[in-house]
């Protein structure tokens, strides 16, 4: 479904009501949803400990999203965790490691 904003505006719809139209799937852009890595690397991701995965695939403790010391305070809605509020009810976060969860008491922060 797709909202036809120009149609709603041309009809003088100023009430904020959303008008939806059906869009044929042939009009939508095609995206390759397949994996960007091999079965071997995928298997390794499932069996390797998290720290090894990070060091091999994204930089480990040098990664900005893994190391709170590399983050600005405004990048942390949850202290110690790369996070921000998308809406008042939805929080987007990086995946926390066990060390960060314990050190910054992330679980307690979520309960606030």
N, C-alpha and C. Protein backbone atom coordinates (compact mmCIF):
# COMPACT_ATOMS: atom_id res chain seq x y z
N UNK A 1 0.84 -1.17 0.00
CA UNK A 1 0.00 0.00 0.00
C UNK A 1 0.88 1.24 0.00
N UNK A 2 0.42 2.25 -0.61
CA UNK A 2 1.20 3.46 -0.74
C UNK A 2 0.27 4.66 -0.56
N UNK A 3 0.72 5.66 0.13
CA UNK A 3 -0.11 6.83 0.33
C UNK A 3 0.09 7.77 -0.84
N UNK A 4 -0.99 8.20 -1.43
CA UNK A 4 -0.93 9.14 -2.54
C UNK A 4 -1.08 10.54 -1.97
N UNK A 5 0.06 11.13 -1.54
CA UNK A 5 0.03 12.42 -0.85
C UNK A 5 -0.46 13.53 -1.77
N UNK A 6 0.02 13.54 -3.02
CA UNK A 6 -0.38 14.62 -3.92
C UNK A 6 -1.88 14.59 -4.18
N UNK A 7 -2.46 13.39 -4.25
CA UNK A 7 -3.90 13.27 -4.47
C UNK A 7 -4.66 13.83 -3.25
N UNK A 8 -4.18 13.47 -2.06
CA UNK A 8 -4.83 13.95 -0.83
C UNK A 8 -4.75 15.47 -0.74
N UNK A 9 -3.59 16.04 -1.11
CA UNK A 9 -3.44 17.49 -1.06
C UNK A 9 -4.31 18.18 -2.10
N UNK A 10 -4.41 17.58 -3.32
CA UNK A 10 -5.20 18.21 -4.37
C UNK A 10 -6.68 18.15 -4.08
N UNK A 11 -7.10 17.17 -3.27
CA UNK A 11 -8.51 17.07 -2.89
C UNK A 11 -8.83 18.01 -1.72
N UNK A 12 -7.82 18.73 -1.24
CA UNK A 12 -8.07 19.67 -0.14
C UNK A 12 -8.20 18.98 1.19
N UNK A 13 -7.59 17.85 1.36
CA UNK A 13 -7.67 17.11 2.60
C UNK A 13 -6.72 17.73 3.62
N UNK A 14 -7.23 18.62 4.44
CA UNK A 14 -6.41 19.27 5.45
C UNK A 14 -6.69 18.72 6.85
N UNK A 15 -7.53 17.67 6.93
CA UNK A 15 -7.90 17.12 8.23
C UNK A 15 -6.82 16.20 8.78
N UNK A 16 -5.81 15.89 7.96
CA UNK A 16 -4.77 14.97 8.41
C UNK A 16 -5.11 13.53 8.10
N UNK A 17 -6.26 13.30 7.49
CA UNK A 17 -6.66 11.94 7.15
C UNK A 17 -5.75 11.40 6.05
N UNK A 18 -5.30 10.16 6.23
CA UNK A 18 -4.43 9.53 5.25
C UNK A 18 -5.28 8.71 4.28
N UNK A 19 -5.05 8.92 3.01
CA UNK A 19 -5.74 8.13 1.99
C UNK A 19 -4.74 7.16 1.42
N UNK A 20 -5.07 5.87 1.42
CA UNK A 20 -4.17 4.83 0.94
C UNK A 20 -4.64 4.33 -0.42
N UNK A 21 -3.67 4.01 -1.25
CA UNK A 21 -3.98 3.41 -2.54
C UNK A 21 -3.17 2.14 -2.67
N UNK A 22 -3.70 1.19 -3.40
CA UNK A 22 -2.96 -0.05 -3.65
C UNK A 22 -1.96 0.21 -4.77
N UNK A 23 -0.75 -0.28 -4.59
CA UNK A 23 0.29 -0.15 -5.60
C UNK A 23 0.64 -1.54 -6.08
N UNK A 24 0.69 -1.71 -7.36
CA UNK A 24 1.04 -3.00 -7.95
C UNK A 24 2.49 -3.32 -7.60
N UNK A 25 2.77 -4.57 -7.22
CA UNK A 25 4.12 -4.96 -6.82
C UNK A 25 5.12 -4.82 -7.96
N UNK A 26 4.67 -4.80 -9.21
CA UNK A 26 5.61 -4.63 -10.32
C UNK A 26 6.16 -3.22 -10.38
N UNK A 27 5.51 -2.28 -9.70
CA UNK A 27 5.98 -0.89 -9.67
C UNK A 27 7.03 -0.66 -8.59
N UNK A 28 7.16 -1.59 -7.64
CA UNK A 28 8.09 -1.42 -6.55
C UNK A 28 9.50 -1.81 -6.99
N UNK A 29 10.53 -1.13 -6.47
CA UNK A 29 11.90 -1.47 -6.84
C UNK A 29 12.27 -2.86 -6.31
N UNK A 30 13.02 -3.61 -7.09
CA UNK A 30 13.45 -4.95 -6.68
C UNK A 30 14.77 -4.83 -5.93
N UNK A 31 14.87 -5.53 -4.80
CA UNK A 31 16.10 -5.54 -4.02
C UNK A 31 16.52 -6.98 -3.80
N UNK A 32 17.81 -7.21 -3.89
CA UNK A 32 18.34 -8.54 -3.62
C UNK A 32 18.35 -8.74 -2.11
N UNK A 33 17.54 -9.66 -1.62
CA UNK A 33 17.46 -9.90 -0.18
C UNK A 33 18.37 -11.04 0.25
N UNK A 34 19.15 -11.55 -0.67
CA UNK A 34 20.03 -12.67 -0.36
C UNK A 34 21.22 -12.25 0.50
N UNK A 35 21.90 -13.25 1.08
CA UNK A 35 23.05 -12.95 1.94
C UNK A 35 24.20 -12.36 1.14
N UNK A 36 25.00 -11.56 1.83
CA UNK A 36 26.17 -10.93 1.22
C UNK A 36 27.45 -11.64 1.67
N UNK A 37 27.31 -12.84 2.21
CA UNK A 37 28.46 -13.59 2.69
C UNK A 37 28.24 -15.06 2.40
N UNK A 38 29.28 -15.85 2.57
CA UNK A 38 29.21 -17.27 2.21
C UNK A 38 28.61 -18.11 3.34
N UNK A 39 28.29 -19.34 3.02
CA UNK A 39 27.78 -20.26 4.05
C UNK A 39 28.83 -20.55 5.10
N UNK A 40 30.09 -20.55 4.70
CA UNK A 40 31.18 -20.81 5.65
C UNK A 40 31.25 -19.69 6.68
N UNK A 41 31.23 -18.45 6.22
CA UNK A 41 31.29 -17.34 7.18
C UNK A 41 30.04 -17.29 8.05
N UNK A 42 28.89 -17.63 7.49
CA UNK A 42 27.66 -17.67 8.28
C UNK A 42 27.75 -18.74 9.36
N UNK A 43 28.28 -19.91 9.01
CA UNK A 43 28.45 -20.98 10.00
C UNK A 43 29.40 -20.51 11.11
N UNK A 44 30.49 -19.85 10.71
CA UNK A 44 31.45 -19.36 11.70
C UNK A 44 30.79 -18.37 12.66
N UNK A 45 29.94 -17.52 12.15
CA UNK A 45 29.25 -16.55 13.01
C UNK A 45 28.40 -17.25 14.07
N UNK A 46 27.86 -18.41 13.73
CA UNK A 46 27.00 -19.13 14.69
C UNK A 46 27.80 -19.88 15.75
N UNK A 47 29.02 -20.30 15.43
CA UNK A 47 29.77 -21.12 16.39
C UNK A 47 30.85 -20.34 17.14
N UNK A 48 31.28 -19.20 16.63
CA UNK A 48 32.34 -18.43 17.27
C UNK A 48 31.78 -17.55 18.38
N UNK A 49 32.53 -17.37 19.47
CA UNK A 49 32.11 -16.45 20.53
C UNK A 49 32.00 -15.02 19.99
N UNK A 50 31.16 -14.23 20.61
CA UNK A 50 30.90 -12.87 20.15
C UNK A 50 32.14 -12.02 19.99
N UNK A 51 33.09 -12.10 20.95
CA UNK A 51 34.30 -11.30 20.87
C UNK A 51 35.13 -11.62 19.65
N UNK A 52 35.20 -12.88 19.30
CA UNK A 52 35.96 -13.29 18.11
C UNK A 52 35.23 -12.82 16.86
N UNK A 53 33.92 -12.93 16.85
CA UNK A 53 33.15 -12.46 15.70
C UNK A 53 33.44 -10.98 15.45
N UNK A 54 33.39 -10.18 16.51
CA UNK A 54 33.62 -8.74 16.36
C UNK A 54 35.03 -8.45 15.87
N UNK A 55 36.01 -9.13 16.45
CA UNK A 55 37.39 -8.83 16.05
C UNK A 55 37.66 -9.23 14.60
N UNK A 56 36.98 -10.25 14.12
CA UNK A 56 37.21 -10.69 12.74
C UNK A 56 36.36 -9.93 11.73
N UNK A 57 35.16 -9.50 12.10
CA UNK A 57 34.25 -8.92 11.14
C UNK A 57 34.07 -7.41 11.25
N UNK A 58 34.29 -6.83 12.44
CA UNK A 58 34.01 -5.39 12.54
C UNK A 58 34.99 -4.59 13.37
N UNK A 59 36.03 -5.19 13.90
CA UNK A 59 37.02 -4.42 14.63
C UNK A 59 37.03 -4.62 16.13
N UNK A 60 36.11 -5.38 16.68
CA UNK A 60 36.10 -5.69 18.11
C UNK A 60 36.03 -4.46 18.99
N UNK A 61 36.90 -4.39 19.99
CA UNK A 61 36.86 -3.28 20.95
C UNK A 61 37.24 -1.94 20.32
N UNK A 62 37.80 -1.96 19.12
CA UNK A 62 38.09 -0.71 18.42
C UNK A 62 36.86 -0.16 17.72
N UNK A 63 35.81 -0.96 17.64
CA UNK A 63 34.57 -0.57 16.97
C UNK A 63 33.86 0.51 17.80
N UNK A 64 33.44 1.56 17.14
CA UNK A 64 32.74 2.66 17.81
C UNK A 64 31.50 2.16 18.55
N UNK A 65 30.80 1.20 17.99
CA UNK A 65 29.54 0.74 18.56
C UNK A 65 29.74 -0.24 19.70
N UNK A 66 30.95 -0.71 19.89
CA UNK A 66 31.27 -1.68 20.94
C UNK A 66 31.91 -1.01 22.15
N UNK A 67 32.47 0.17 21.95
CA UNK A 67 33.27 0.82 22.99
C UNK A 67 32.63 2.15 23.40
N UNK A 68 31.97 2.20 24.55
CA UNK A 68 31.31 3.43 25.00
C UNK A 68 32.26 4.63 25.12
N UNK A 69 33.54 4.38 25.34
CA UNK A 69 34.50 5.47 25.46
C UNK A 69 34.65 6.23 24.14
N UNK A 70 34.30 5.60 23.03
CA UNK A 70 34.41 6.23 21.71
C UNK A 70 33.12 6.95 21.30
N UNK A 71 32.10 6.89 22.14
CA UNK A 71 30.80 7.50 21.81
C UNK A 71 30.62 8.84 22.51
N UNK A 72 29.86 9.70 21.87
CA UNK A 72 29.47 10.96 22.51
C UNK A 72 28.26 10.68 23.39
N UNK A 73 28.08 11.46 24.43
CA UNK A 73 26.95 11.22 25.34
C UNK A 73 25.61 11.33 24.63
N UNK A 74 25.51 12.21 23.61
CA UNK A 74 24.24 12.34 22.89
C UNK A 74 23.96 11.14 21.98
N UNK A 75 24.94 10.24 21.83
CA UNK A 75 24.73 9.02 21.04
C UNK A 75 24.29 7.85 21.92
N UNK A 76 24.04 8.13 23.21
CA UNK A 76 23.69 7.07 24.15
C UNK A 76 22.41 7.42 24.92
N UNK A 77 21.27 7.00 24.41
CA UNK A 77 20.03 7.14 25.18
C UNK A 77 20.10 6.22 26.40
N UNK A 78 20.76 5.09 26.24
CA UNK A 78 21.06 4.16 27.33
C UNK A 78 22.56 4.27 27.56
N UNK A 79 22.99 4.68 28.74
CA UNK A 79 24.40 4.90 29.01
C UNK A 79 25.21 3.62 28.75
N UNK A 80 26.28 3.77 27.96
CA UNK A 80 27.15 2.64 27.64
C UNK A 80 26.77 1.92 26.37
N UNK A 81 25.64 2.28 25.78
CA UNK A 81 25.11 1.56 24.62
C UNK A 81 24.77 2.56 23.51
N UNK A 82 25.29 2.33 22.32
CA UNK A 82 24.97 3.18 21.19
C UNK A 82 23.47 3.05 20.96
N UNK A 83 22.70 4.11 21.21
CA UNK A 83 21.24 4.01 21.19
C UNK A 83 20.60 5.38 21.03
N UNK A 84 19.40 5.38 20.48
CA UNK A 84 18.64 6.62 20.35
C UNK A 84 17.15 6.29 20.28
N UNK A 85 16.34 7.24 20.72
CA UNK A 85 14.89 7.07 20.69
C UNK A 85 14.39 7.39 19.29
N UNK A 86 13.69 6.44 18.67
CA UNK A 86 13.09 6.63 17.36
C UNK A 86 11.75 7.35 17.54
N UNK A 87 10.98 6.88 18.49
CA UNK A 87 9.72 7.51 18.91
C UNK A 87 9.73 7.45 20.44
N UNK A 88 8.77 8.05 21.10
CA UNK A 88 8.75 7.95 22.58
C UNK A 88 8.65 6.51 23.10
N UNK A 89 8.21 5.57 22.27
CA UNK A 89 8.08 4.18 22.70
C UNK A 89 9.09 3.24 22.07
N UNK A 90 9.84 3.68 21.06
CA UNK A 90 10.75 2.79 20.32
C UNK A 90 12.19 3.27 20.47
N UNK A 91 13.04 2.37 20.97
CA UNK A 91 14.46 2.66 21.16
C UNK A 91 15.27 1.81 20.20
N UNK A 92 16.13 2.44 19.40
CA UNK A 92 17.04 1.72 18.50
C UNK A 92 18.39 1.62 19.20
N UNK A 93 18.97 0.40 19.21
CA UNK A 93 20.24 0.22 19.90
C UNK A 93 21.17 -0.69 19.11
N UNK A 94 22.46 -0.55 19.39
CA UNK A 94 23.44 -1.52 18.92
C UNK A 94 23.29 -2.74 19.83
N UNK A 95 23.74 -3.86 19.35
CA UNK A 95 23.65 -5.09 20.16
C UNK A 95 24.70 -5.00 21.27
N UNK A 96 24.28 -5.05 22.53
CA UNK A 96 25.24 -4.90 23.63
C UNK A 96 26.01 -6.20 23.89
N UNK A 97 27.27 -6.04 24.29
CA UNK A 97 28.05 -7.22 24.69
C UNK A 97 27.87 -7.42 26.19
N UNK A 98 28.24 -8.58 26.67
CA UNK A 98 28.07 -8.92 28.09
C UNK A 98 28.81 -7.93 28.98
N UNK A 99 30.02 -7.54 28.59
CA UNK A 99 30.82 -6.61 29.39
C UNK A 99 30.10 -5.28 29.59
N UNK A 100 29.52 -4.74 28.51
CA UNK A 100 28.79 -3.46 28.59
C UNK A 100 27.53 -3.62 29.43
N UNK A 101 26.82 -4.72 29.25
CA UNK A 101 25.59 -4.97 30.02
C UNK A 101 25.89 -4.95 31.52
N UNK A 102 26.98 -5.60 31.91
CA UNK A 102 27.33 -5.65 33.33
C UNK A 102 27.88 -4.32 33.83
N UNK A 103 28.85 -3.74 33.10
CA UNK A 103 29.53 -2.53 33.54
C UNK A 103 28.59 -1.34 33.69
N UNK A 104 27.64 -1.20 32.74
CA UNK A 104 26.74 -0.04 32.75
C UNK A 104 25.34 -0.39 33.25
N UNK A 105 25.17 -1.60 33.76
CA UNK A 105 23.88 -2.06 34.30
C UNK A 105 22.73 -1.73 33.31
N UNK A 106 22.91 -2.19 32.09
CA UNK A 106 22.00 -1.89 31.00
C UNK A 106 20.57 -2.40 31.30
N UNK A 107 20.48 -3.57 31.88
CA UNK A 107 19.14 -4.13 32.18
C UNK A 107 18.37 -3.20 33.11
N UNK A 108 19.03 -2.67 34.13
CA UNK A 108 18.38 -1.76 35.07
C UNK A 108 17.95 -0.47 34.35
N UNK A 109 18.79 0.00 33.41
CA UNK A 109 18.43 1.21 32.68
C UNK A 109 17.18 0.99 31.82
N UNK A 110 17.03 -0.19 31.27
CA UNK A 110 15.83 -0.49 30.47
C UNK A 110 14.58 -0.49 31.34
N UNK A 111 14.71 -0.84 32.59
CA UNK A 111 13.53 -0.91 33.46
C UNK A 111 13.09 0.47 33.95
N UNK A 112 13.90 1.51 33.74
CA UNK A 112 13.53 2.87 34.18
C UNK A 112 12.51 3.49 33.28
